[in-house]
PDB file of N, CA and C in Angstrom:
ATOM      1  N   UNK A   1      88.883  87.768  90.559  1.00  0.00           N
ATOM      2  CA  UNK A   1      90.046  88.320  90.506  1.00  0.00           C
ATOM      3  C   UNK A   1      90.343  89.371  90.532  1.00  0.00           C
ATOM      4  N   UNK A   2      91.774  89.890  91.138  1.00  0.00           N
ATOM      5  CA  UNK A   2      91.603  91.215  91.772  1.00  0.00           C
ATOM      6  C   UNK A   2      92.110  92.296  91.378  1.00  0.00           C
ATOM      7  N   UNK A   3      91.161  93.066  91.411  1.00  0.00           N
ATOM      8  CA  UNK A   3      90.922  94.503  90.563  1.00  0.00           C
ATOM      9  C   UNK A   3      91.223  95.169  91.822  1.00  0.00           C
ATOM     10  N   UNK A   4      91.784  96.552  90.718  1.00  0.00           N
ATOM     11  CA  UNK A   4      91.621  98.252  91.566  1.00  0.00           C
ATOM     12  C   UNK A   4      91.193  98.911  90.494  1.00  0.00           C
ATOM     13  N   UNK A   5      90.390  99.322  91.079  1.00  0.00           N
ATOM     14  CA  UNK A   5      89.817 100.981  90.069  1.00  0.00           C
ATOM     15  C   UNK A   5      90.112 102.261  90.517  1.00  0.00           C
ATOM     16  N   UNK A   6      90.407 103.132  90.365  1.00  0.00           N
ATOM     17  CA  UNK A   6      90.794 104.174  90.409  1.00  0.00           C
ATOM     18  C   UNK A   6      89.678 104.944  89.862  1.00  0.00           C
ATOM     19  N   UNK A   7      89.416 106.564  90.543  1.00  0.00           N
ATOM     20  CA  UNK A   7      88.732 107.231  90.223  1.00  0.00           C
ATOM     21  C   UNK A   7      88.855 108.443  90.688  1.00  0.00           C
ATOM     22  N   UNK A   8      88.210 109.515  90.165  1.00  0.00           N
ATOM     23  CA  UNK A   8      88.327 110.946  90.932  1.00  0.00           C
ATOM     24  C   UNK A   8      89.265 112.166  90.404  1.00  0.00           C
ATOM     25  N   UNK A   9      90.199 111.539  89.997  1.00  0.00           N
ATOM     26  CA  UNK A   9      91.306 112.379  89.248  1.00  0.00           C
ATOM     27  C   UNK A   9      90.443 113.784  87.938  1.00  0.00           C
ATOM     28  N   UNK A  10      90.999 114.267  87.461  1.00  0.00           N
ATOM     29  CA  UNK A  10      90.438 115.539  86.865  1.00  0.00           C
ATOM     30  C   UNK A  10      91.606 116.541  86.932  1.00  0.00           C
ATOM     31  N   UNK A  11      91.309 117.756  86.263  1.00  0.00           N
ATOM     32  CA  UNK A  11      91.318 119.116  85.287  1.00  0.00           C
ATOM     33  C   UNK A  11      91.488 120.030  87.468  1.00  0.00           C
ATOM     34  N   UNK A  12      92.578 120.070  87.585  1.00  0.00           N
ATOM     35  CA  UNK A  12      92.129 121.266  88.630  1.00  0.00           C
ATOM     36  C   UNK A  12      92.910 122.577  88.411  1.00  0.00           C
ATOM     37  N   UNK A  13      92.888 123.450  89.173  1.00  0.00           N
ATOM     38  CA  UNK A  13      93.683 125.142  89.088  1.00  0.00           C
ATOM     39  C   UNK A  13      94.827 125.017  90.141  1.00  0.00           C
ATOM     40  N   UNK A  14      96.081 125.341  89.981  1.00  0.00           N
ATOM     41  CA  UNK A  14      96.664 125.450  91.861  1.00  0.00           C
ATOM     42  C   UNK A  14      95.624 125.672  92.418  1.00  0.00           C
ATOM     43  N   UNK A  15      96.429 125.040  94.068  1.00  0.00           N
ATOM     44  CA  UNK A  15      95.438 125.271  95.196  1.00  0.00           C
ATOM     45  C   UNK A  15      94.729 124.167  95.172  1.00  0.00           C
ATOM     46  N   UNK A  16      94.099 124.066  94.205  1.00  0.00           N
ATOM     47  CA  UNK A  16      92.776 123.120  94.419  1.00  0.00           C
ATOM     48  C   UNK A  16      92.844 121.845  95.191  1.00  0.00           C
ATOM     49  N   UNK A  17      91.707 121.472  95.659  1.00  0.00           N
ATOM     50  CA  UNK A  17      91.994 119.524  95.409  1.00  0.00           C
ATOM     51  C   UNK A  17      90.988 119.155  95.337  1.00  0.00           C
ATOM     52  N   UNK A  18      91.246 117.709  95.509  1.00  0.00           N
ATOM     53  CA  UNK A  18      90.994 116.037  94.250  1.00  0.00           C
ATOM     54  C   UNK A  18      91.188 115.287  96.063  1.00  0.00           C
ATOM     55  N   UNK A  19      89.627 114.708  95.214  1.00  0.00           N
ATOM     56  CA  UNK A  19      90.123 113.347  96.439  1.00  0.00           C
ATOM     57  C   UNK A  19      90.450 112.017  95.474  1.00  0.00           C
ATOM     58  N   UNK A  20      91.154 111.274  95.459  1.00  0.00           N
ATOM     59  CA  UNK A  20      91.123 109.868  94.845  1.00  0.00           C
ATOM     60  C   UNK A  20      90.331 109.056  95.418  1.00  0.00           C
ATOM     61  N   UNK A  21      89.930 107.660  94.641  1.00  0.00           N
ATOM     62  CA  UNK A  21      89.221 106.730  95.706  1.00  0.00           C
ATOM     63  C   UNK A  21      90.376 105.925  94.871  1.00  0.00           C
ATOM     64  N   UNK A  22      90.012 104.563  95.530  1.00  0.00           N
ATOM     65  CA  UNK A  22      90.484 103.208  94.953  1.00  0.00           C
ATOM     66  C   UNK A  22      89.691 102.413  94.920  1.00  0.00           C
ATOM     67  N   UNK A  23      88.839 101.274  94.646  1.00  0.00           N
ATOM     68  CA  UNK A  23      87.684 100.363  94.890  1.00  0.00           C
ATOM     69  C   UNK A  23      88.927  99.579  94.093  1.00  0.00           C
ATOM     70  N   UNK A  24      88.301  98.239  95.910  1.00  0.00           N
ATOM     71  CA  UNK A  24      89.746  96.962  95.475  1.00  0.00           C
ATOM     72  C   UNK A  24      88.706  95.854  95.740  1.00  0.00           C
ATOM     73  N   UNK A  25      88.738  94.782  95.066  1.00  0.00           N
ATOM     74  CA  UNK A  25      88.063  92.939  95.055  1.00  0.00           C
ATOM     75  C   UNK A  25      88.658  91.768  94.839  1.00  0.00           C
ATOM     76  N   UNK A  26      87.963  91.247  94.894  1.00  0.00           N
ATOM     77  CA  UNK A  26      89.415  90.529  94.406  1.00  0.00           C
ATOM     78  C   UNK A  26      89.709  89.364  95.631  1.00  0.00           C
ATOM     79  N   UNK A  27      90.126  90.176  97.227  1.00  0.00           N
ATOM     80  CA  UNK A  27      90.990  89.322  97.881  1.00  0.00           C
ATOM     81  C   UNK A  27      90.601  90.146  99.016  1.00  0.00           C
ATOM     82  N   UNK A  28      90.993  89.473 100.269  1.00  0.00           N
ATOM     83  CA  UNK A  28      90.484  90.601 101.247  1.00  0.00           C
ATOM     84  C   UNK A  28      91.169  91.443 101.796  1.00  0.00           C
ATOM     85  N   UNK A  29      90.661  92.824 101.331  1.00  0.00           N
ATOM     86  CA  UNK A  29      91.557  94.482 101.176  1.00  0.00           C
ATOM     87  C   UNK A  29      91.546  94.606 102.717  1.00  0.00           C
ATOM     88  N   UNK A  30      91.548  93.939 103.728  1.00  0.00           N
ATOM     89  CA  UNK A  30      91.842  94.706 105.416  1.00  0.00           C
ATOM     90  C   UNK A  30      93.053  93.230 105.792  1.00  0.00           C
ATOM     91  N   UNK A  31      93.322  92.212 105.130  1.00  0.00           N
ATOM     92  CA  UNK A  31      95.187  91.873 104.876  1.00  0.00           C
ATOM     93  C   UNK A  31      95.968  92.259 104.169  1.00  0.00           C
ATOM     94  N   UNK A  32      95.612  93.596 103.919  1.00  0.00           N
ATOM     95  CA  UNK A  32      96.397  94.068 103.132  1.00  0.00           C
ATOM     96  C   UNK A  32      96.644  95.468 103.030  1.00  0.00           C
ATOM     97  N   UNK A  33      98.025  96.358 103.293  1.00  0.00           N
ATOM     98  CA  UNK A  33      98.645  97.619 103.341  1.00  0.00           C
ATOM     99  C   UNK A  33      98.859  98.320 101.417  1.00  0.00           C
ATOM    100  N   UNK A  34      98.619  99.168 101.652  1.00  0.00           N
ATOM    101  CA  UNK A  34      98.051  99.573 100.669  1.00  0.00           C
ATOM    102  C   UNK A  34      99.399 100.891 100.674  1.00  0.00           C
ATOM    103  N   UNK A  35      99.280 101.492  98.746  1.00  0.00           N
ATOM    104  CA  UNK A  35     100.277 102.772  98.481  1.00  0.00           C
ATOM    105  C   UNK A  35      99.444 103.272  97.311  1.00  0.00           C
ATOM    106  N   UNK A  36      99.568 104.470  97.279  1.00  0.00           N
ATOM    107  CA  UNK A  36      98.796 105.366  95.956  1.00  0.00           C
ATOM    108  C   UNK A  36     100.999 105.871  95.587  1.00  0.00           C
ATOM    109  N   UNK A  37     100.698 105.661  94.249  1.00  0.00           N
ATOM    110  CA  UNK A  37     102.093 105.784  93.339  1.00  0.00           C
ATOM    111  C   UNK A  37     101.400 107.255  92.452  1.00  0.00           C
ATOM    112  N   UNK A  38     102.607 107.739  91.587  1.00  0.00           N
ATOM    113  CA  UNK A  38     102.116 108.520  90.344  1.00  0.00           C
ATOM    114  C   UNK A  38     103.382 108.509  89.366  1.00  0.00           C
ATOM    115  N   UNK A  39     103.131 108.817  88.438  1.00  0.00           N
ATOM    116  CA  UNK A  39     104.040 108.747  87.367  1.00  0.00           C
ATOM    117  C   UNK A  39     103.498 109.872  86.334  1.00  0.00           C
ATOM    118  N   UNK A  40     104.066 111.319  86.025  1.00  0.00           N
ATOM    119  CA  UNK A  40     104.490 111.737  85.228  1.00  0.00           C
ATOM    120  C   UNK A  40     105.252 111.786  84.210  1.00  0.00           C
ATOM    121  N   UNK A  41     104.454 112.313  83.037  1.00  0.00           N
ATOM    122  CA  UNK A  41     105.447 112.216  81.733  1.00  0.00           C
ATOM    123  C   UNK A  41     106.507 112.191  81.877  1.00  0.00           C
ATOM    124  N   UNK A  42     107.581 110.565  81.130  1.00  0.00           N
ATOM    125  CA  UNK A  42     108.737 111.458  80.644  1.00  0.00           C
ATOM    126  C   UNK A  42     109.448 111.114  82.651  1.00  0.00           C
ATOM    127  N   UNK A  43     108.171 110.350  83.100  1.00  0.00           N
ATOM    128  CA  UNK A  43     109.491 110.403  84.160  1.00  0.00           C
ATOM    129  C   UNK A  43     108.957 108.792  85.070  1.00  0.00           C
ATOM    130  N   UNK A  44     110.017 108.864  86.272  1.00  0.00           N
ATOM    131  CA  UNK A  44     109.395 107.491  86.729  1.00  0.00           C
ATOM    132  C   UNK A  44     107.760 107.680  87.850  1.00  0.00           C
ATOM    133  N   UNK A  45     107.812 106.069  87.809  1.00  0.00           N
ATOM    134  CA  UNK A  45     106.483 106.234  88.909  1.00  0.00           C
ATOM    135  C   UNK A  45     107.097 105.758  90.442  1.00  0.00           C
ATOM    136  N   UNK A  46     106.301 107.333  90.993  1.00  0.00           N
ATOM    137  CA  UNK A  46     107.068 107.090  92.504  1.00  0.00           C
ATOM    138  C   UNK A  46     105.660 106.903  93.252  1.00  0.00           C
ATOM    139  N   UNK A  47     106.572 106.433  94.329  1.00  0.00           N
ATOM    140  CA  UNK A  47     105.677 106.290  96.186  1.00  0.00           C
ATOM    141  C   UNK A  47     105.066 107.857  96.561  1.00  0.00           C
ATOM    142  N   UNK A  48     103.772 108.025  96.499  1.00  0.00           N
ATOM    143  CA  UNK A  48     103.300 109.129  96.908  1.00  0.00           C
ATOM    144  C   UNK A  48     103.075 108.926  98.629  1.00  0.00           C
ATOM    145  N   UNK A  49     102.274 107.712  98.503  1.00  0.00           N
ATOM    146  CA  UNK A  49     101.710 107.440 100.449  1.00  0.00           C
ATOM    147  C   UNK A  49     101.199 106.210 100.442  1.00  0.00           C
ATOM    148  N   UNK A  50     101.731 105.821 101.640  1.00  0.00           N
ATOM    149  CA  UNK A  50     101.544 104.575 102.281  1.00  0.00           C
ATOM    150  C   UNK A  50     100.624 104.324 103.433  1.00  0.00           C
ATOM    151  N   UNK A  51      99.444 103.617 103.574  1.00  0.00           N
ATOM    152  CA  UNK A  51      99.028 102.905 104.277  1.00  0.00           C
ATOM    153  C   UNK A  51      99.144 101.242 104.911  1.00  0.00           C
ATOM    154  N   UNK A  52      99.484 101.020 105.878  1.00  0.00           N
ATOM    155  CA  UNK A  52      98.885 100.452 107.076  1.00  0.00           C
ATOM    156  C   UNK A  52      97.641  99.456 106.956  1.00  0.00           C
ATOM    157  N   UNK A  53      97.817  98.048 107.479  1.00  0.00           N
ATOM    158  CA  UNK A  53      96.071  97.352 107.283  1.00  0.00           C
ATOM    159  C   UNK A  53      95.378  97.954 107.698  1.00  0.00           C
ATOM    160  N   UNK A  54      95.412  98.511 108.671  1.00  0.00           N
ATOM    161  CA  UNK A  54      94.873  98.957 110.007  1.00  0.00           C
ATOM    162  C   UNK A  54      94.350 100.903 110.122  1.00  0.00           C
ATOM    163  N   UNK A  55      95.808 100.953 108.867  1.00  0.00           N
ATOM    164  CA  UNK A  55      95.632 102.530 108.215  1.00  0.00           C
ATOM    165  C   UNK A  55      96.038 103.569 110.241  1.00  0.00           C
ATOM    166  N   UNK A  56      96.497 102.695 110.751  1.00  0.00           N
ATOM    167  CA  UNK A  56      97.147 102.986 111.879  1.00  0.00           C
ATOM    168  C   UNK A  56      99.082 103.822 111.583  1.00  0.00           C
ATOM    169  N   UNK A  57      98.894 103.600 110.515  1.00  0.00           N
ATOM    170  CA  UNK A  57     100.327 103.889 109.909  1.00  0.00           C
ATOM    171  C   UNK A  57     100.432 104.038 108.862  1.00  0.00           C
ATOM    172  N   UNK A  58     101.047 105.747 108.762  1.00  0.00           N
ATOM    173  CA  UNK A  58     100.515 106.277 106.917  1.00  0.00           C
ATOM    174  C   UNK A  58     102.554 106.831 106.356  1.00  0.00           C
ATOM    175  N   UNK A  59     103.061 106.740 105.892  1.00  0.00           N
ATOM    176  CA  UNK A  59     104.082 107.471 105.146  1.00  0.00           C
ATOM    177  C   UNK A  59     104.032 108.451 103.904  1.00  0.00           C
ATOM    178  N   UNK A  60     104.170 109.521 103.732  1.00  0.00           N
ATOM    179  CA  UNK A  60     104.214 109.981 102.648  1.00  0.00           C
ATOM    180  C   UNK A  60     105.658 110.342 102.060  1.00  0.00           C
ATOM    181  N   UNK A  61     105.705 111.043 100.333  1.00  0.00           N
ATOM    182  CA  UNK A  61     106.783 111.554  99.721  1.00  0.00           C
ATOM    183  C   UNK A  61     107.429 113.072 100.587  1.00  0.00           C
ATOM    184  N   UNK A  62     108.196 113.731 100.606  1.00  0.00           N
ATOM    185  CA  UNK A  62     108.611 114.381 101.399  1.00  0.00           C
ATOM    186  C   UNK A  62     107.462 115.730 100.430  1.00  0.00           C
ATOM    187  N   UNK A  63     107.539 115.205  98.998  1.00  0.00           N
ATOM    188  CA  UNK A  63     106.901 116.202  97.875  1.00  0.00           C
ATOM    189  C   UNK A  63     105.649 116.654  98.055  1.00  0.00           C
ATOM    190  N   UNK A  64     105.380 115.578  98.818  1.00  0.00           N
ATOM    191  CA  UNK A  64     103.119 115.996  98.935  1.00  0.00           C
ATOM    192  C   UNK A  64     103.068 116.157 100.868  1.00  0.00           C
ATOM    193  N   UNK A  65     104.144 115.677 101.851  1.00  0.00           N
ATOM    194  CA  UNK A  65     103.770 115.975 103.582  1.00  0.00           C
ATOM    195  C   UNK A  65     102.918 117.031 103.439  1.00  0.00           C
ATOM    196  N   UNK A  66     102.180 117.269 103.890  1.00  0.00           N
ATOM    197  CA  UNK A  66     101.625 118.296 104.685  1.00  0.00           C
ATOM    198  C   UNK A  66     100.336 118.537 104.093  1.00  0.00           C
ATOM    199  N   UNK A  67     100.241 117.827 102.419  1.00  0.00           N
ATOM    200  CA  UNK A  67      98.982 117.957 101.758  1.00  0.00           C
ATOM    201  C   UNK A  67      98.645 117.081 100.676  1.00  0.00           C
ATOM    202  N   UNK A  68      98.893 115.890 101.174  1.00  0.00           N
ATOM    203  CA  UNK A  68      98.530 114.695 101.020  1.00  0.00           C
ATOM    204  C   UNK A  68      97.879 114.565 101.802  1.00  0.00           C
ATOM    205  N   UNK A  69      96.164 113.087 102.096  1.00  0.00           N
ATOM    206  CA  UNK A  69      96.210 112.441 103.409  1.00  0.00           C
ATOM    207  C   UNK A  69      96.220 110.949 102.674  1.00  0.00           C
ATOM    208  N   UNK A  70      96.626 109.548 102.941  1.00  0.00           N
ATOM    209  CA  UNK A  70      96.200 108.629 102.327  1.00  0.00           C
ATOM    210  C   UNK A  70      94.846 107.954 104.246  1.00  0.00           C
ATOM    211  N   UNK A  71      93.916 107.723 103.450  1.00  0.00           N
ATOM    212  CA  UNK A  71      92.868 106.866 104.206  1.00  0.00           C
ATOM    213  C   UNK A  71      92.887 105.760 103.752  1.00  0.00           C
ATOM    214  N   UNK A  72      91.508 104.953 105.011  1.00  0.00           N
ATOM    215  CA  UNK A  72      90.652 103.644 104.127  1.00  0.00           C
ATOM    216  C   UNK A  72      89.946 103.031 104.693  1.00  0.00           C
ATOM    217  N   UNK A  73      89.112 102.839 103.927  1.00  0.00           N
ATOM    218  CA  UNK A  73      87.852 102.488 104.933  1.00  0.00           C
ATOM    219  C   UNK A  73      87.652 100.782 104.769  1.00  0.00           C
ATOM    220  N   UNK A  74      87.899 100.158 105.046  1.00  0.00           N
ATOM    221  CA  UNK A  74      88.100  98.789 105.140  1.00  0.00           C
ATOM    222  C   UNK A  74      86.689  98.065 104.745  1.00  0.00           C
ATOM    223  N   UNK A  75      85.252  98.407 105.038  1.00  0.00           N
ATOM    224  CA  UNK A  75      84.291  98.281 105.389  1.00  0.00           C
ATOM    225  C   UNK A  75      83.830  98.661 103.911  1.00  0.00           C
ATOM    226  N   UNK A  76      84.469  99.650 102.948  1.00  0.00           N
ATOM    227  CA  UNK A  76      83.581  99.593 101.396  1.00  0.00           C
ATOM    228  C   UNK A  76      85.351  99.256 100.200  1.00  0.00           C
ATOM    229  N   UNK A  77      86.380  98.440 101.331  1.00  0.00           N
ATOM    230  CA  UNK A  77      87.880  97.951 100.587  1.00  0.00           C
ATOM    231  C   UNK A  77      87.933  98.809  99.706  1.00  0.00           C
ATOM    232  N   UNK A  78      88.108 100.271  99.793  1.00  0.00           N
ATOM    233  CA  UNK A  78      88.228 101.309  99.391  1.00  0.00           C
ATOM    234  C   UNK A  78      89.206 101.874  99.899  1.00  0.00           C
ATOM    235  N   UNK A  79      90.861 103.092  99.193  1.00  0.00           N
ATOM    236  CA  UNK A  79      91.238 103.392  99.628  1.00  0.00           C
ATOM    237  C   UNK A  79      91.466 105.143  98.759  1.00  0.00           C
ATOM    238  N   UNK A  80      91.994 105.892  99.569  1.00  0.00           N
ATOM    239  CA  UNK A  80      91.515 107.393  99.719  1.00  0.00           C
ATOM    240  C   UNK A  80      92.673 108.367  99.191  1.00  0.00           C
ATOM    241  N   UNK A  81      93.354 109.290  98.415  1.00  0.00           N
ATOM    242  CA  UNK A  81      93.495 110.275  98.874  1.00  0.00           C
ATOM    243  C   UNK A  81      93.366 111.268  98.758  1.00  0.00           C
ATOM    244  N   UNK A  82      93.370 111.924  99.779  1.00  0.00           N
ATOM    245  CA  UNK A  82      92.907 113.832  99.840  1.00  0.00           C
ATOM    246  C   UNK A  82      94.095 114.313  99.320  1.00  0.00           C
ATOM    247  N   UNK A  83      94.207 115.179  98.655  1.00  0.00           N
ATOM    248  CA  UNK A  83      94.984 115.969  98.002  1.00  0.00           C
ATOM    249  C   UNK A  83      94.913 117.924  98.275  1.00  0.00           C
ATOM    250  N   UNK A  84      95.214 118.002  98.835  1.00  0.00           N
ATOM    251  CA  UNK A  84      95.415 120.023  98.442  1.00  0.00           C
ATOM    252  C   UNK A  84      96.749 120.794  98.191  1.00  0.00           C
ATOM    253  N   UNK A  85      95.866 121.711  98.321  1.00  0.00           N
ATOM    254  CA  UNK A  85      97.229 122.783  97.691  1.00  0.00           C
ATOM    255  C   UNK A  85      97.840 122.098  97.119  1.00  0.00           C
ATOM    256  N   UNK A  86      97.397 121.871  95.615  1.00  0.00           N
ATOM    257  CA  UNK A  86      97.552 121.465  94.298  1.00  0.00           C
ATOM    258  C   UNK A  86      98.604 121.944  93.873  1.00  0.00           C
ATOM    259  N   UNK A  87      99.942 121.702  93.375  1.00  0.00           N
ATOM    260  CA  UNK A  87     100.468 122.112  92.669  1.00  0.00           C
ATOM    261  C   UNK A  87     100.788 121.719  90.889  1.00  0.00           C
ATOM    262  N   UNK A  88     101.253 122.566  89.968  1.00  0.00           N
ATOM    263  CA  UNK A  88     101.922 121.842  88.739  1.00  0.00           C
ATOM    264  C   UNK A  88     101.769 121.076  88.484  1.00  0.00           C
ATOM    265  N   UNK A  89     103.022 120.634  89.739  1.00  0.00           N
ATOM    266  CA  UNK A  89     103.864 119.956  89.643  1.00  0.00           C
ATOM    267  C   UNK A  89     103.743 118.415  89.886  1.00  0.00           C
ATOM    268  N   UNK A  90     102.278 117.981  90.499  1.00  0.00           N
ATOM    269  CA  UNK A  90     101.450 117.287  91.526  1.00  0.00           C
ATOM    270  C   UNK A  90     101.034 116.667  90.182  1.00  0.00           C
ATOM    271  N   UNK A  91     100.853 116.970  88.812  1.00  0.00           N
ATOM    272  CA  UNK A  91     100.668 116.879  87.405  1.00  0.00           C
ATOM    273  C   UNK A  91     101.005 115.116  87.245  1.00  0.00           C
ATOM    274  N   UNK A  92     100.110 114.300  87.049  1.00  0.00           N
ATOM    275  CA  UNK A  92     100.614 112.687  86.370  1.00  0.00           C
ATOM    276  C   UNK A  92      99.613 111.795  86.279  1.00  0.00           C
ATOM    277  N   UNK A  93     100.070 110.946  86.121  1.00  0.00           N
ATOM    278  CA  UNK A  93      98.366 109.571  86.253  1.00  0.00           C
ATOM    279  C   UNK A  93      98.901 108.511  87.815  1.00  0.00           C
ATOM    280  N   UNK A  94      97.599 108.824  88.718  1.00  0.00           N
ATOM    281  CA  UNK A  94      97.875 108.319  90.340  1.00  0.00           C
ATOM    282  C   UNK A  94      97.474 107.524  89.577  1.00  0.00           C
ATOM    283  N   UNK A  95      98.687 105.795  90.328  1.00  0.00           N
ATOM    284  CA  UNK A  95      98.384 104.574  90.866  1.00  0.00           C
ATOM    285  C   UNK A  95      97.344 104.342  92.435  1.00  0.00           C
ATOM    286  N   UNK A  96      96.589 103.253  92.699  1.00  0.00           N
ATOM    287  CA  UNK A  96      97.016 102.666  93.560  1.00  0.00           C
ATOM    288  C   UNK A  96      97.328 100.840  93.557  1.00  0.00           C
ATOM    289  N   UNK A  97      98.356 100.861  94.823  1.00  0.00           N
ATOM    290  CA  UNK A  97      99.117  99.112  94.512  1.00  0.00           C
ATOM    291  C   UNK A  97      98.899  98.789  95.332  1.00  0.00           C
ATOM    292  N   UNK A  98      98.435  97.857  95.503  1.00  0.00           N
ATOM    293  CA  UNK A  98      98.098  96.050  97.099  1.00  0.00           C
ATOM    294  C   UNK A  98      99.371  96.012  97.160  1.00  0.00           C
ATOM    295  N   UNK A  99      99.993  96.384  98.284  1.00  0.00           N
ATOM    296  CA  UNK A  99     101.395  95.689  98.487  1.00  0.00           C
ATOM    297  C   UNK A  99     101.108  94.210  98.417  1.00  0.00           C
ATOM    298  N   UNK A 100     102.363  93.761  99.116  1.00  0.00           N
ATOM    299  CA  UNK A 100     102.075  92.535  99.693  1.00  0.00           C
ATOM    300  C   UNK A 100     103.420  91.516  98.223  1.00  0.00           C
ATOM    301  N   UNK A 101     103.910  90.020  99.143  1.00  0.00           N
ATOM    302  CA  UNK A 101     104.853  89.507  97.582  1.00  0.00           C
ATOM    303  C   UNK A 101     104.227  89.464  96.453  1.00  0.00           C
ATOM    304  N   UNK A 102     102.783  89.809  96.022  1.00  0.00           N
ATOM    305  CA  UNK A 102     102.482  90.066  94.545  1.00  0.00           C
ATOM    306  C   UNK A 102     101.578  91.657  94.307  1.00  0.00           C
ATOM    307  N   UNK A 103     102.079  91.952  93.872  1.00  0.00           N
ATOM    308  CA  UNK A 103     101.870  93.315  93.453  1.00  0.00           C
ATOM    309  C   UNK A 103     100.633  93.550  92.681  1.00  0.00           C
ATOM    310  N   UNK A 104     100.006  93.982  93.177  1.00  0.00           N
ATOM    311  CA  UNK A 104      98.582  94.650  92.197  1.00  0.00           C
ATOM    312  C   UNK A 104      98.641  95.915  91.943  1.00  0.00           C
ATOM    313  N   UNK A 105      98.069  96.450  90.670  1.00  0.00           N
ATOM    314  CA  UNK A 105      98.459  98.110  90.225  1.00  0.00           C
ATOM    315  C   UNK A 105      96.381  98.001  89.830  1.00  0.00           C
ATOM    316  N   UNK A 106      96.325  99.684  89.778  1.00  0.00           N
ATOM    317  CA  UNK A 106      94.589 100.359  88.913  1.00  0.00           C
ATOM    318  C   UNK A 106      94.902 100.218  87.836  1.00  0.00           C
ATOM    319  N   UNK A 107      94.509 100.720  86.667  1.00  0.00           N
ATOM    320  CA  UNK A 107      94.968 101.694  86.221  1.00  0.00           C
ATOM    321  C   UNK A 107      95.128 102.686  85.687  1.00  0.00           C
ATOM    322  N   UNK A 108      95.305 103.521  86.947  1.00  0.00           N
ATOM    323  CA  UNK A 108      95.872 104.839  86.899  1.00  0.00           C
ATOM    324  C   UNK A 108      94.279 106.019  86.926  1.00  0.00           C
ATOM    325  N   UNK A 109      94.371 106.958  87.401  1.00  0.00           N
ATOM    326  CA  UNK A 109      93.857 107.904  86.714  1.00  0.00           C
ATOM    327  C   UNK A 109      94.510 109.670  86.938  1.00  0.00           C
ATOM    328  N   UNK A 110      93.745 109.715  85.577  1.00  0.00           N
ATOM    329  CA  UNK A 110      94.856 111.420  85.854  1.00  0.00           C
ATOM    330  C   UNK A 110      94.191 112.164  86.735  1.00  0.00           C
ATOM    331  N   UNK A 111      95.187 113.387  86.946  1.00  0.00           N
ATOM    332  CA  UNK A 111      95.200 114.492  87.756  1.00  0.00           C
ATOM    333  C   UNK A 111      96.331 116.060  86.780  1.00  0.00           C
ATOM    334  N   UNK A 112      95.550 116.447  85.945  1.00  0.00           N
ATOM    335  CA  UNK A 112      96.322 117.783  85.826  1.00  0.00           C
ATOM    336  C   UNK A 112      96.127 119.187  87.394  1.00  0.00           C
ATOM    337  N   UNK A 113      96.901 119.221  86.688  1.00  0.00           N
ATOM    338  CA  UNK A 113      96.778 120.918  87.636  1.00  0.00           C
ATOM    339  C   UNK A 113      97.533 121.919  87.264  1.00  0.00           C
ATOM    340  N   UNK A 114      96.582 122.812  86.204  1.00  0.00           N
ATOM    341  CA  UNK A 114      96.753 123.457  85.565  1.00  0.00           C
ATOM    342  C   UNK A 114      95.813 124.699  85.399  1.00  0.00           C
ATOM    343  N   UNK A 115      96.226 125.901  85.202  1.00  0.00           N
ATOM    344  CA  UNK A 115      95.861 127.162  85.606  1.00  0.00           C
ATOM    345  C   UNK A 115      95.015 127.295  83.936  1.00  0.00           C
TER     346      UNK A 115
END
């Protein structure tokens, strides 16, 4: 069955960095575009970043442009989110999502940015 397992979250000070990973299994990873979303307490889930099948095309929410970088390794069935210059407003649960006619979600990983 399809599984998406996020890791790499944690507590970080403002200005710090984290790299999230999402390990995929149960499907042909290289056939699907992938995305990262986040959901802060009391807010709707929002799209953070998108990456195409080959990784040749990416897009970002305006709030993270220039700070976050999405990438993928199709040989390792993994998508990453490098987050730099983190701000308190980046605090949220981060989810990876398999795009397509049927979307699948991971369980999420908590990112807390606080001093």
